[in-house]
């Protein structure tokens, strides 16, 4: 479902390139769209995000692989908020990381949500510094909602990022580069 996966198959299984065709995931572009200013205001009030705050959303479960530790470390060095949508059995560990980093009042855990649209629509960007992700639909969903994306070199969604235009791509463990990207947003 992506050029990175195609290359991995070619390298790992010696399959000729011409035998593999990339078919990207699709999302419902009628559903995932930018909010009106009124919708955004209402969603921020509903989820306790200050109107004037810069807020990034992190969407995904399996927090270790998705890079939540790095996301929290990067947020701690900024004034941005991070809204975490998803679940992990180690959630309390990540709450403690935020507390230890002094940003617990700016890292909000929303838990698993049946619909993610509201969270994209109240945010200013998506932060997903994943250690490895074959193709997270959240990248396309966020972009369809008009959000810039900060992701990692090991995320297939990076194929859709034009550096500095619709997002940034950093190494998943390069906190300084993530901080710089957050500030540039």
Protein backbone atom coordinates (compact mmCIF):
# COMPACT_ATOMS: atom_id res chain seq x y z
CA UNK A 1 0.00 0.00 0.00
CA UNK A 2 3.02 2.33 -0.27
CA UNK A 3 6.35 2.77 -2.03
CA UNK A 4 8.23 2.02 1.22
CA UNK A 5 6.43 -1.31 1.59
CA UNK A 6 7.05 -2.12 -2.07
CA UNK A 7 10.76 -1.53 -1.56
CA UNK A 8 10.79 -3.72 1.57
CA UNK A 9 9.16 -6.59 -0.37
CA UNK A 10 11.65 -6.21 -3.22
CA UNK A 11 14.61 -6.25 -0.81
CA UNK A 12 13.37 -8.93 1.62
CA UNK A 13 11.83 -11.38 -0.84
CA UNK A 14 13.65 -10.64 -4.12
CA UNK A 15 10.38 -9.95 -5.92
CA UNK A 16 10.87 -8.06 -9.20
CA UNK A 17 9.68 -4.44 -8.97
CA UNK A 18 7.43 -4.81 -12.02
CA UNK A 19 5.39 -7.48 -10.19
CA UNK A 20 4.37 -5.09 -7.42
CA UNK A 21 1.88 -2.27 -7.86
CA UNK A 22 1.28 0.25 -5.14
CA UNK A 23 -2.38 0.88 -4.30
CA UNK A 24 -2.68 3.57 -1.66
CA UNK A 25 -5.31 3.59 1.08
CA UNK A 26 -8.28 5.87 0.61
CA UNK A 27 -10.39 7.91 2.99
CA UNK A 28 -13.81 9.51 2.76
CA UNK A 29 -12.94 13.05 1.64
CA UNK A 30 -16.60 14.00 2.00
CA UNK A 31 -16.43 13.25 5.70
CA UNK A 32 -12.91 14.44 6.53
CA UNK A 33 -12.81 18.16 5.77
CA UNK A 34 -11.74 21.39 7.46
CA UNK A 35 -14.13 22.80 10.08
CA UNK A 36 -15.93 26.11 9.98
CA UNK A 37 -14.63 28.63 12.54
CA UNK A 38 -17.79 28.02 14.59
CA UNK A 39 -17.30 24.26 14.60
CA UNK A 40 -13.68 24.65 15.68
CA UNK A 41 -14.66 26.99 18.51
CA UNK A 42 -17.34 24.60 19.75
CA UNK A 43 -15.05 21.55 19.55
CA UNK A 44 -12.28 23.28 21.49
CA UNK A 45 -14.75 24.27 24.20
CA UNK A 46 -16.15 20.74 24.32
CA UNK A 47 -12.71 19.15 24.75
CA UNK A 48 -11.16 21.74 27.06
CA UNK A 49 -8.59 23.15 24.63
CA UNK A 50 -8.06 26.92 25.00
CA UNK A 51 -9.10 28.91 21.94
CA UNK A 52 -5.72 30.62 21.58
CA UNK A 53 -3.62 27.50 22.25
CA UNK A 54 -1.57 25.81 19.56
CA UNK A 55 -2.80 22.21 19.67
CA UNK A 56 -1.47 19.13 17.94
CA UNK A 57 -3.37 15.86 17.82
CA UNK A 58 -1.79 12.42 18.16
CA UNK A 59 -4.04 9.61 16.93
CA UNK A 60 -3.17 5.97 17.41
CA UNK A 61 -3.04 3.05 19.77
CA UNK A 62 0.10 1.22 20.75
CA UNK A 63 1.75 4.35 22.08
CA UNK A 64 5.32 3.01 22.06
CA UNK A 65 5.39 2.17 18.34
CA UNK A 66 3.45 5.32 17.45
CA UNK A 67 6.08 7.48 19.20
CA UNK A 68 4.11 9.07 22.02
CA UNK A 69 7.17 9.33 24.27
CA UNK A 70 8.99 11.45 21.67
CA UNK A 71 5.84 13.49 21.06
CA UNK A 72 5.54 14.29 24.76
CA UNK A 73 9.24 15.19 24.97
CA UNK A 74 8.88 17.56 22.02
CA UNK A 75 5.69 19.14 23.36
CA UNK A 76 7.38 19.71 26.73
CA UNK A 77 9.89 22.06 25.07
CA UNK A 78 7.15 24.19 23.47
CA UNK A 79 3.99 25.96 24.59
CA UNK A 80 1.80 23.69 22.43
CA UNK A 81 -0.88 21.33 23.67
CA UNK A 82 -1.05 17.67 22.63
CA UNK A 83 -4.37 15.87 22.43
CA UNK A 84 -3.81 12.09 22.53
CA UNK A 85 -6.56 10.02 20.93
CA UNK A 86 -6.15 6.27 21.35
CA UNK A 87 -5.47 3.70 24.00
CA UNK A 88 -2.60 1.78 25.47
CA UNK A 89 -2.37 -0.45 28.50
CA UNK A 90 0.60 1.69 29.62
CA UNK A 91 -1.31 4.99 29.46
CA UNK A 92 -0.47 5.80 33.08
CA UNK A 93 3.24 5.54 32.17
CA UNK A 94 2.76 8.20 29.47
CA UNK A 95 0.78 10.40 31.81
CA UNK A 96 3.72 10.16 34.21
CA UNK A 97 6.15 11.06 31.40
CA UNK A 98 4.11 14.21 30.75
CA UNK A 99 4.11 14.99 34.46
CA UNK A 100 7.86 14.41 34.78
CA UNK A 101 8.43 16.67 31.75
CA UNK A 102 6.28 19.39 33.33
CA UNK A 103 3.69 19.48 30.56
CA UNK A 104 0.87 17.42 32.12
CA UNK A 105 -1.47 20.42 31.88
CA UNK A 106 -0.87 20.57 28.10
CA UNK A 107 -1.08 16.84 27.31
CA UNK A 108 -4.70 15.70 27.17
CA UNK A 109 -5.68 12.02 26.96
CA UNK A 110 -9.02 11.52 25.23
CA UNK A 111 -8.92 7.72 25.16
CA UNK A 112 -10.18 5.53 22.33
CA UNK A 113 -12.77 7.34 20.24
CA UNK A 114 -15.20 5.80 17.73
CA UNK A 115 -14.88 8.92 15.54
CA UNK A 116 -11.74 11.00 15.15
CA UNK A 117 -13.07 13.82 12.95
CA UNK A 118 -13.78 16.21 15.84
CA UNK A 119 -10.20 15.88 17.09
CA UNK A 120 -8.70 16.73 13.71
CA UNK A 121 -11.06 19.66 13.35
CA UNK A 122 -10.08 21.26 16.66
CA UNK A 123 -6.34 20.80 16.11
CA UNK A 124 -3.68 22.88 14.38
CA UNK A 125 -1.68 19.87 13.18
CA UNK A 126 -1.02 16.15 13.53
CA UNK A 127 2.04 14.88 15.41
CA UNK A 128 2.84 11.22 14.72
CA UNK A 129 6.55 10.44 15.23
CA UNK A 130 6.01 6.73 14.72
CA UNK A 131 8.89 4.27 14.91
CA UNK A 132 7.33 2.27 12.04
CA UNK A 133 3.96 2.50 10.37
CA UNK A 134 3.15 0.86 7.03
CA UNK A 135 0.37 3.33 6.21
CA UNK A 136 -1.57 5.15 8.90
CA UNK A 137 -4.88 6.43 7.58
CA UNK A 138 -4.63 9.19 10.18
CA UNK A 139 -2.13 10.99 7.93
CA UNK A 140 -4.64 11.21 5.07
CA UNK A 141 -7.54 12.00 7.40
CA UNK A 142 -5.63 14.86 9.03
CA UNK A 143 -4.48 16.26 5.69
CA UNK A 144 -8.05 16.10 4.33
CA UNK A 145 -9.08 18.21 7.34
CA UNK A 146 -6.48 20.79 6.34
CA UNK A 147 -3.88 19.91 8.98
CA UNK A 148 -0.14 19.99 8.44
CA UNK A 149 1.53 16.76 9.56
CA UNK A 150 4.71 16.12 11.51
CA UNK A 151 5.72 12.49 11.12
CA UNK A 152 8.80 10.32 10.91
CA UNK A 153 10.99 8.89 8.20
CA UNK A 154 9.64 5.42 9.05
CA UNK A 155 6.05 6.38 8.39
CA UNK A 156 4.74 5.73 4.91
CA UNK A 157 2.63 8.86 5.22
CA UNK A 158 5.88 10.78 4.83
CA UNK A 159 5.53 10.09 1.09
CA UNK A 160 2.78 12.72 1.02
CA UNK A 161 4.66 15.45 2.88
CA UNK A 162 6.26 18.35 1.06
CA UNK A 163 8.70 19.63 3.67
CA UNK A 164 7.64 22.99 5.08
CA UNK A 165 4.55 23.17 2.90
CA UNK A 166 2.10 20.62 4.34
CA UNK A 167 4.24 19.28 7.13
CA UNK A 168 7.62 18.02 8.26
CA UNK A 169 9.40 14.68 8.33
CA UNK A 170 11.93 13.99 11.08
CA UNK A 171 13.66 10.99 12.53
CA UNK A 172 11.33 9.42 15.10
CA UNK A 173 13.86 9.98 17.88
CA UNK A 174 15.14 13.42 16.86
CA UNK A 175 13.40 15.50 19.50
CA UNK A 176 15.23 18.71 18.52
CA UNK A 177 13.99 18.40 14.91
CA UNK A 178 10.44 17.72 16.14
CA UNK A 179 10.57 20.78 18.38
CA UNK A 180 11.74 22.88 15.43
CA UNK A 181 8.92 21.52 13.25
CA UNK A 182 6.32 22.26 15.95
CA UNK A 183 7.59 25.82 16.27
CA UNK A 184 7.51 26.28 12.49
CA UNK A 185 3.85 25.23 12.38
